[in-house]
Amino acid sequence: MSEQTFNVVFISPHFPPNFYLFCQALSKINGVQVMAISDCDYSLLRRELQTSLTRYYKVSDLEDYDQVMKGVAFFIHNYGRIHRLESHNEHWLELDARLRLDFNIPGLRPEGMDYIKKKSKMKEKFIEAGLRVARGAKASSKKEAILFAS
């Protein structure tokens, strides 16, 4: 492995269907190796995605952290340090963050997830940065939502 190799791992790169384009574009950059972990059979991935990947690791369940963690460990053992890990999918944000923490991969960590997933926390950061934000409220019923809106 070259000192200039940049290893990127994608979680579930086939979903949404157009997201294969990220892997495809990265694979065309000299020195970038694109690896992926998913629960989809390799044969079912679109051809453009298959040809973009340096390596693919299939798990039976992406919700099972141990399976996904073993996939990342496999890539590190075979290809060296992982420089980035991404899913581009909100559902996997917490998984991505935990993997980054456990494998010391740059990027968002679990302690920063509230500011990404919760709009109320996101607004706090915007306000801290001096930005104006729309008022908001948490509504537990239709009546509360209508009352807030009026």
N, C-alpha and C. Protein backbone atom coordinates (compact mmCIF):
# COMPACT_ATOMS: atom_id res chain seq x y z
N MET A 1 0.84 -1.19 0.00
CA MET A 1 0.00 0.00 0.00
C MET A 1 0.87 1.24 0.00
N SER A 2 0.56 2.17 -0.82
CA SER A 2 1.31 3.42 -0.95
C SER A 2 1.00 4.35 0.20
N GLU A 3 1.98 5.18 0.54
CA GLU A 3 1.78 6.21 1.56
C GLU A 3 0.72 7.20 1.12
N GLN A 4 0.48 7.30 -0.17
CA GLN A 4 -0.46 8.28 -0.70
C GLN A 4 -1.87 7.69 -0.90
N THR A 5 -2.08 6.46 -0.47
CA THR A 5 -3.39 5.85 -0.60
C THR A 5 -4.35 6.46 0.42
N PHE A 6 -5.54 6.78 -0.02
CA PHE A 6 -6.57 7.37 0.81
C PHE A 6 -7.74 6.40 0.82
N ASN A 7 -8.02 5.79 1.97
CA ASN A 7 -9.05 4.76 2.08
C ASN A 7 -10.36 5.33 2.59
N VAL A 8 -11.42 5.08 1.83
CA VAL A 8 -12.75 5.56 2.18
C VAL A 8 -13.68 4.35 2.28
N VAL A 9 -14.45 4.30 3.37
CA VAL A 9 -15.44 3.24 3.55
C VAL A 9 -16.84 3.86 3.49
N PHE A 10 -17.69 3.26 2.67
CA PHE A 10 -19.08 3.67 2.59
C PHE A 10 -19.96 2.59 3.20
N ILE A 11 -20.90 3.03 4.01
CA ILE A 11 -21.90 2.13 4.58
C ILE A 11 -23.14 2.23 3.69
N SER A 12 -23.62 1.09 3.23
CA SER A 12 -24.82 1.02 2.39
C SER A 12 -24.75 1.97 1.19
N PRO A 13 -23.75 1.80 0.33
CA PRO A 13 -23.54 2.74 -0.78
C PRO A 13 -24.57 2.65 -1.91
N HIS A 14 -25.40 1.64 -1.87
CA HIS A 14 -26.39 1.44 -2.94
C HIS A 14 -27.72 2.12 -2.66
N PHE A 15 -27.84 2.73 -1.48
CA PHE A 15 -29.11 3.36 -1.13
C PHE A 15 -28.90 4.75 -0.58
N PRO A 16 -29.65 5.72 -1.04
CA PRO A 16 -30.57 5.70 -2.16
C PRO A 16 -29.86 5.33 -3.47
N PRO A 17 -30.62 4.87 -4.44
CA PRO A 17 -30.03 4.31 -5.67
C PRO A 17 -29.03 5.21 -6.40
N ASN A 18 -29.20 6.52 -6.34
CA ASN A 18 -28.28 7.40 -7.06
C ASN A 18 -26.97 7.66 -6.29
N PHE A 19 -26.84 7.15 -5.07
CA PHE A 19 -25.66 7.44 -4.28
C PHE A 19 -24.43 6.66 -4.71
N TYR A 20 -24.58 5.71 -5.63
CA TYR A 20 -23.42 5.03 -6.18
C TYR A 20 -22.48 6.04 -6.84
N LEU A 21 -23.03 7.18 -7.23
CA LEU A 21 -22.23 8.21 -7.92
C LEU A 21 -21.10 8.74 -7.05
N PHE A 22 -21.28 8.78 -5.72
CA PHE A 22 -20.21 9.21 -4.82
C PHE A 22 -19.03 8.24 -4.92
N CYS A 23 -19.32 6.95 -4.84
CA CYS A 23 -18.26 5.95 -4.94
C CYS A 23 -17.59 5.99 -6.31
N GLN A 24 -18.40 6.13 -7.32
CA GLN A 24 -17.88 6.17 -8.68
C GLN A 24 -16.92 7.35 -8.87
N ALA A 25 -17.31 8.53 -8.41
CA ALA A 25 -16.46 9.71 -8.55
C ALA A 25 -15.18 9.57 -7.73
N LEU A 26 -15.29 9.09 -6.51
CA LEU A 26 -14.11 8.92 -5.67
C LEU A 26 -13.13 7.91 -6.27
N SER A 27 -13.65 6.85 -6.85
CA SER A 27 -12.78 5.81 -7.40
C SER A 27 -11.94 6.31 -8.56
N LYS A 28 -12.34 7.42 -9.16
CA LYS A 28 -11.59 7.98 -10.29
C LYS A 28 -10.46 8.89 -9.85
N ILE A 29 -10.36 9.16 -8.54
CA ILE A 29 -9.30 10.02 -8.02
C ILE A 29 -8.08 9.16 -7.74
N ASN A 30 -6.96 9.54 -8.29
CA ASN A 30 -5.72 8.78 -8.11
C ASN A 30 -5.39 8.63 -6.63
N GLY A 31 -5.17 7.39 -6.21
CA GLY A 31 -4.77 7.12 -4.83
C GLY A 31 -5.91 6.82 -3.88
N VAL A 32 -7.16 6.95 -4.34
CA VAL A 32 -8.31 6.69 -3.47
C VAL A 32 -8.79 5.26 -3.68
N GLN A 33 -8.95 4.57 -2.55
CA GLN A 33 -9.53 3.22 -2.57
C GLN A 33 -10.89 3.32 -1.89
N VAL A 34 -11.91 2.85 -2.59
CA VAL A 34 -13.28 2.92 -2.08
C VAL A 34 -13.72 1.51 -1.69
N MET A 35 -14.11 1.39 -0.43
CA MET A 35 -14.59 0.12 0.10
C MET A 35 -16.00 0.30 0.61
N ALA A 36 -16.76 -0.76 0.70
CA ALA A 36 -18.15 -0.64 1.13
C ALA A 36 -18.56 -1.80 1.99
N ILE A 37 -19.49 -1.50 2.91
CA ILE A 37 -20.11 -2.51 3.76
C ILE A 37 -21.62 -2.35 3.61
N SER A 38 -22.28 -3.49 3.37
CA SER A 38 -23.74 -3.43 3.26
C SER A 38 -24.33 -4.81 3.47
N ASP A 39 -25.65 -4.85 3.51
CA ASP A 39 -26.37 -6.11 3.67
C ASP A 39 -26.95 -6.61 2.33
N CYS A 40 -26.58 -5.96 1.28
CA CYS A 40 -27.05 -6.32 -0.06
C CYS A 40 -26.06 -7.29 -0.71
N ASP A 41 -26.57 -8.29 -1.39
CA ASP A 41 -25.67 -9.19 -2.12
C ASP A 41 -24.91 -8.41 -3.18
N TYR A 42 -23.63 -8.67 -3.28
CA TYR A 42 -22.77 -7.96 -4.25
C TYR A 42 -23.35 -8.05 -5.66
N SER A 43 -23.88 -9.21 -6.01
CA SER A 43 -24.41 -9.42 -7.37
C SER A 43 -25.61 -8.52 -7.66
N LEU A 44 -26.25 -7.98 -6.63
CA LEU A 44 -27.42 -7.12 -6.81
C LEU A 44 -27.05 -5.64 -6.91
N LEU A 45 -25.78 -5.31 -6.64
CA LEU A 45 -25.34 -3.92 -6.77
C LEU A 45 -25.27 -3.56 -8.25
N ARG A 46 -25.59 -2.33 -8.58
CA ARG A 46 -25.50 -1.92 -9.98
C ARG A 46 -24.04 -2.03 -10.43
N ARG A 47 -23.85 -2.32 -11.67
CA ARG A 47 -22.51 -2.57 -12.23
C ARG A 47 -21.57 -1.39 -11.98
N GLU A 48 -22.06 -0.16 -12.12
CA GLU A 48 -21.21 1.02 -11.93
C GLU A 48 -20.67 1.09 -10.50
N LEU A 49 -21.46 0.64 -9.55
CA LEU A 49 -21.00 0.61 -8.16
C LEU A 49 -19.98 -0.50 -7.96
N GLN A 50 -20.27 -1.68 -8.48
CA GLN A 50 -19.33 -2.80 -8.36
C GLN A 50 -17.94 -2.42 -8.87
N THR A 51 -17.89 -1.80 -10.03
CA THR A 51 -16.59 -1.47 -10.63
C THR A 51 -15.89 -0.30 -9.94
N SER A 52 -16.61 0.42 -9.09
CA SER A 52 -16.03 1.54 -8.36
C SER A 52 -15.38 1.10 -7.05
N LEU A 53 -15.70 -0.10 -6.60
CA LEU A 53 -15.23 -0.54 -5.29
C LEU A 53 -13.93 -1.32 -5.35
N THR A 54 -13.03 -0.99 -4.44
CA THR A 54 -11.80 -1.76 -4.28
C THR A 54 -12.15 -3.08 -3.61
N ARG A 55 -13.07 -3.03 -2.63
CA ARG A 55 -13.47 -4.23 -1.90
C ARG A 55 -14.87 -4.03 -1.33
N TYR A 56 -15.59 -5.13 -1.21
CA TYR A 56 -16.95 -5.11 -0.67
C TYR A 56 -17.03 -6.12 0.47
N TYR A 57 -17.69 -5.73 1.54
CA TYR A 57 -17.87 -6.61 2.70
C TYR A 57 -19.36 -6.69 3.00
N LYS A 58 -19.92 -7.89 2.87
CA LYS A 58 -21.35 -8.08 3.10
C LYS A 58 -21.59 -8.53 4.53
N VAL A 59 -22.58 -7.90 5.15
CA VAL A 59 -23.05 -8.32 6.46
C VAL A 59 -24.50 -8.76 6.32
N SER A 60 -24.99 -9.55 7.25
CA SER A 60 -26.39 -9.98 7.15
C SER A 60 -27.33 -8.93 7.73
N ASP A 61 -26.78 -8.05 8.61
CA ASP A 61 -27.62 -7.06 9.27
C ASP A 61 -26.81 -5.81 9.60
N LEU A 62 -27.09 -4.71 8.92
CA LEU A 62 -26.37 -3.46 9.20
C LEU A 62 -26.70 -2.89 10.58
N GLU A 63 -27.77 -3.36 11.19
CA GLU A 63 -28.13 -2.91 12.54
C GLU A 63 -27.26 -3.60 13.61
N ASP A 64 -26.56 -4.65 13.23
CA ASP A 64 -25.70 -5.40 14.16
C ASP A 64 -24.30 -4.77 14.14
N TYR A 65 -24.02 -3.97 15.16
CA TYR A 65 -22.76 -3.22 15.20
C TYR A 65 -21.54 -4.13 15.07
N ASP A 66 -21.56 -5.27 15.73
CA ASP A 66 -20.39 -6.16 15.69
C ASP A 66 -20.07 -6.61 14.27
N GLN A 67 -21.08 -6.89 13.47
CA GLN A 67 -20.84 -7.31 12.09
C GLN A 67 -20.18 -6.19 11.29
N VAL A 68 -20.71 -4.99 11.43
CA VAL A 68 -20.18 -3.85 10.67
C VAL A 68 -18.77 -3.51 11.16
N MET A 69 -18.57 -3.55 12.47
CA MET A 69 -17.25 -3.28 13.05
C MET A 69 -16.21 -4.27 12.51
N LYS A 70 -16.60 -5.53 12.38
CA LYS A 70 -15.68 -6.54 11.84
C LYS A 70 -15.34 -6.22 10.38
N GLY A 71 -16.29 -5.66 9.65
CA GLY A 71 -16.03 -5.26 8.28
C GLY A 71 -14.99 -4.16 8.21
N VAL A 72 -15.12 -3.15 9.07
CA VAL A 72 -14.14 -2.06 9.10
C VAL A 72 -12.78 -2.61 9.51
N ALA A 73 -12.75 -3.48 10.52
CA ALA A 73 -11.49 -4.09 10.96
C ALA A 73 -10.84 -4.89 9.83
N PHE A 74 -11.66 -5.58 9.06
CA PHE A 74 -11.16 -6.34 7.90
C PHE A 74 -10.48 -5.40 6.90
N PHE A 75 -11.12 -4.28 6.61
CA PHE A 75 -10.52 -3.32 5.67
C PHE A 75 -9.21 -2.77 6.22
N ILE A 76 -9.18 -2.44 7.49
CA ILE A 76 -7.95 -1.90 8.08
C ILE A 76 -6.84 -2.95 8.01
N HIS A 77 -7.17 -4.18 8.33
CA HIS A 77 -6.16 -5.26 8.29
C HIS A 77 -5.60 -5.44 6.89
N ASN A 78 -6.46 -5.32 5.89
CA ASN A 78 -6.04 -5.59 4.51
C ASN A 78 -5.57 -4.36 3.73
N TYR A 79 -6.01 -3.17 4.11
CA TYR A 79 -5.71 -1.98 3.32
C TYR A 79 -5.09 -0.84 4.12
N GLY A 80 -5.01 -0.99 5.42
CA GLY A 80 -4.41 0.05 6.24
C GLY A 80 -5.45 1.02 6.78
N ARG A 81 -4.95 2.12 7.28
CA ARG A 81 -5.79 3.13 7.94
C ARG A 81 -6.97 3.55 7.06
N ILE A 82 -8.13 3.75 7.71
CA ILE A 82 -9.30 4.29 7.03
C ILE A 82 -9.29 5.80 7.26
N HIS A 83 -9.34 6.55 6.18
CA HIS A 83 -9.25 8.02 6.27
C HIS A 83 -10.61 8.69 6.38
N ARG A 84 -11.65 8.07 5.83
CA ARG A 84 -13.00 8.60 5.94
C ARG A 84 -13.98 7.44 5.93
N LEU A 85 -15.11 7.67 6.62
CA LEU A 85 -16.19 6.69 6.65
C LEU A 85 -17.49 7.48 6.54
N GLU A 86 -18.35 7.06 5.63
CA GLU A 86 -19.56 7.83 5.37
C GLU A 86 -20.67 6.90 4.88
N SER A 87 -21.90 7.32 5.11
CA SER A 87 -23.04 6.59 4.56
C SER A 87 -23.93 7.49 3.72
N HIS A 88 -23.88 8.80 3.95
CA HIS A 88 -24.77 9.73 3.26
C HIS A 88 -26.23 9.39 3.51
N ASN A 89 -26.51 8.75 4.63
CA ASN A 89 -27.87 8.34 4.92
C ASN A 89 -28.15 8.62 6.38
N GLU A 90 -29.16 9.43 6.66
CA GLU A 90 -29.44 9.84 8.03
C GLU A 90 -29.64 8.65 8.97
N HIS A 91 -30.21 7.59 8.47
CA HIS A 91 -30.46 6.42 9.32
C HIS A 91 -29.16 5.87 9.93
N TRP A 92 -28.06 5.98 9.21
CA TRP A 92 -26.79 5.40 9.67
C TRP A 92 -25.87 6.41 10.35
N LEU A 93 -26.32 7.63 10.60
CA LEU A 93 -25.45 8.65 11.20
C LEU A 93 -24.82 8.19 12.51
N GLU A 94 -25.60 7.58 13.37
CA GLU A 94 -25.07 7.15 14.66
C GLU A 94 -24.10 5.97 14.50
N LEU A 95 -24.39 5.08 13.59
CA LEU A 95 -23.48 3.98 13.29
C LEU A 95 -22.16 4.53 12.77
N ASP A 96 -22.24 5.44 11.81
CA ASP A 96 -21.03 6.08 11.26
C ASP A 96 -20.20 6.70 12.37
N ALA A 97 -20.86 7.46 13.25
CA ALA A 97 -20.17 8.18 14.32
C ALA A 97 -19.48 7.22 15.28
N ARG A 98 -20.16 6.15 15.64
CA ARG A 98 -19.55 5.17 16.56
C ARG A 98 -18.35 4.48 15.92
N LEU A 99 -18.46 4.13 14.65
CA LEU A 99 -17.33 3.51 13.95
C LEU A 99 -16.15 4.47 13.88
N ARG A 100 -16.43 5.74 13.60
CA ARG A 100 -15.34 6.73 13.55
C ARG A 100 -14.64 6.84 14.90
N LEU A 101 -15.43 6.84 15.95
CA LEU A 101 -14.85 6.92 17.30
C LEU A 101 -14.01 5.68 17.59
N ASP A 102 -14.57 4.51 17.37
CA ASP A 102 -13.89 3.26 17.72
C ASP A 102 -12.64 3.00 16.89
N PHE A 103 -12.61 3.52 15.66
CA PHE A 103 -11.45 3.29 14.80
C PHE A 103 -10.62 4.56 14.55
N ASN A 104 -10.92 5.61 15.31
CA ASN A 104 -10.19 6.88 15.20
C ASN A 104 -10.15 7.40 13.76
N ILE A 105 -11.31 7.45 13.16
CA ILE A 105 -11.47 7.96 11.80
C ILE A 105 -12.00 9.39 11.91
N PRO A 106 -11.41 10.34 11.20
CA PRO A 106 -11.90 11.72 11.28
C PRO A 106 -13.38 11.84 10.90
N GLY A 107 -14.06 12.78 11.54
CA GLY A 107 -15.45 13.03 11.23
C GLY A 107 -16.29 13.16 12.48
N LEU A 108 -17.59 13.28 12.30
CA LEU A 108 -18.51 13.43 13.43
C LEU A 108 -18.46 12.23 14.35
N ARG A 109 -18.53 12.53 15.65
CA ARG A 109 -18.50 11.50 16.69
C ARG A 109 -19.88 11.42 17.35
N PRO A 110 -20.12 10.38 18.16
CA PRO A 110 -21.44 10.23 18.80
C PRO A 110 -21.88 11.45 19.60
N GLU A 111 -20.96 12.12 20.27
CA GLU A 111 -21.35 13.26 21.10
C GLU A 111 -21.87 14.44 20.27
N GLY A 112 -21.67 14.45 18.99
CA GLY A 112 -22.15 15.52 18.14
C GLY A 112 -23.45 15.21 17.40
N MET A 113 -23.99 14.03 17.64
CA MET A 113 -25.17 13.59 16.87
C MET A 113 -26.42 14.42 17.15
N ASP A 114 -26.63 14.85 18.39
CA ASP A 114 -27.83 15.64 18.67
C ASP A 114 -27.90 16.89 17.80
N TYR A 115 -26.75 17.48 17.51
CA TYR A 115 -26.72 18.72 16.73
C TYR A 115 -26.94 18.46 15.24
N ILE A 116 -26.90 17.21 14.85
CA ILE A 116 -27.16 16.84 13.46
C ILE A 116 -28.58 16.30 13.30
N LYS A 117 -29.04 15.50 14.25
CA LYS A 117 -30.32 14.82 14.12
C LYS A 117 -31.51 15.60 14.70
N LYS A 118 -31.27 16.47 15.66
CA LYS A 118 -32.37 17.20 16.29
C LYS A 118 -32.36 18.66 15.85
N LYS A 119 -33.45 19.06 15.22
CA LYS A 119 -33.54 20.44 14.70
C LYS A 119 -33.43 21.47 15.82
N SER A 120 -33.95 21.16 17.00
CA SER A 120 -33.86 22.11 18.12
C SER A 120 -32.40 22.34 18.53
N LYS A 121 -31.61 21.29 18.54
CA LYS A 121 -30.19 21.42 18.89
C LYS A 121 -29.43 22.12 17.76
N MET A 122 -29.81 21.83 16.52
CA MET A 122 -29.20 22.47 15.36
C MET A 122 -29.41 23.99 15.43
N LYS A 123 -30.63 24.38 15.83
CA LYS A 123 -30.94 25.81 15.96
C LYS A 123 -30.04 26.47 17.01
N GLU A 124 -29.76 25.77 18.10
CA GLU A 124 -28.87 26.31 19.14
C GLU A 124 -27.51 26.67 18.54
N LYS A 125 -26.98 25.79 17.71
CA LYS A 125 -25.67 26.04 17.07
C LYS A 125 -25.75 27.24 16.12
N PHE A 126 -26.85 27.32 15.36
CA PHE A 126 -27.02 28.45 14.45
C PHE A 126 -27.08 29.76 15.21
N ILE A 127 -27.82 29.77 16.32
CA ILE A 127 -27.94 30.97 17.15
C ILE A 127 -26.57 31.35 17.73
N GLU A 128 -25.82 30.35 18.22
CA GLU A 128 -24.46 30.59 18.73
C GLU A 128 -23.58 31.24 17.67
N ALA A 129 -23.81 30.88 16.41
CA ALA A 129 -23.01 31.41 15.31
C ALA A 129 -23.51 32.77 14.84
N GLY A 130 -24.59 33.27 15.47
CA GLY A 130 -25.10 34.58 15.13
C GLY A 130 -26.11 34.59 14.00
N LEU A 131 -26.63 33.43 13.64
CA LEU A 131 -27.61 33.36 12.56
C LEU A 131 -29.03 33.49 13.11
N ARG A 132 -29.90 34.04 12.29
CA ARG A 132 -31.31 34.12 12.66
C ARG A 132 -31.98 32.80 12.27
N VAL A 133 -32.86 32.34 13.13
CA VAL A 133 -33.57 31.09 12.84
C VAL A 133 -35.06 31.29 13.05
N ALA A 134 -35.84 30.49 12.38
CA ALA A 134 -37.29 30.53 12.56
C ALA A 134 -37.65 29.98 13.93
N ARG A 135 -38.66 30.57 14.53
CA ARG A 135 -39.13 30.05 15.82
C ARG A 135 -39.64 28.64 15.63
N GLY A 136 -39.59 27.88 16.69
CA GLY A 136 -40.07 26.51 16.63
C GLY A 136 -40.61 26.08 17.97
N ALA A 137 -41.36 25.01 17.97
CA ALA A 137 -41.88 24.43 19.20
C ALA A 137 -42.17 22.97 18.96
N LYS A 138 -42.05 22.20 20.01
CA LYS A 138 -42.39 20.78 19.92
C LYS A 138 -43.87 20.63 20.23
N ALA A 139 -44.59 20.05 19.31
CA ALA A 139 -46.03 19.85 19.48
C ALA A 139 -46.32 18.37 19.69
N SER A 140 -47.08 18.08 20.71
CA SER A 140 -47.44 16.69 21.01
C SER A 140 -48.81 16.31 20.46
N SER A 141 -49.50 17.31 19.93
CA SER A 141 -50.83 17.02 19.38
C SER A 141 -51.11 17.98 18.23
N LYS A 142 -52.15 17.66 17.48
CA LYS A 142 -52.57 18.54 16.39
C LYS A 142 -52.98 19.90 16.94
N LYS A 143 -53.66 19.90 18.08
CA LYS A 143 -54.11 21.15 18.71
C LYS A 143 -52.92 22.05 19.06
N GLU A 144 -51.86 21.46 19.64
CA GLU A 144 -50.67 22.23 20.00
C GLU A 144 -49.99 22.80 18.75
N ALA A 145 -49.96 22.03 17.67
CA ALA A 145 -49.34 22.49 16.43
C ALA A 145 -50.13 23.66 15.85
N ILE A 146 -51.43 23.57 15.85
CA ILE A 146 -52.27 24.65 15.32
C ILE A 146 -52.12 25.89 16.18
N LEU A 147 -52.08 25.71 17.48
CA LEU A 147 -51.90 26.84 18.40
C LEU A 147 -50.57 27.54 18.15
N PHE A 148 -49.51 26.77 17.98
CA PHE A 148 -48.20 27.37 17.69
C PHE A 148 -48.22 28.11 16.35
N ALA A 149 -48.79 27.47 15.33
CA ALA A 149 -48.82 28.06 14.00
C ALA A 149 -49.59 29.38 13.97
N SER A 150 -50.63 29.47 14.79
CA SER A 150 -51.42 30.71 14.79
C SER A 150 -50.71 31.77 15.60
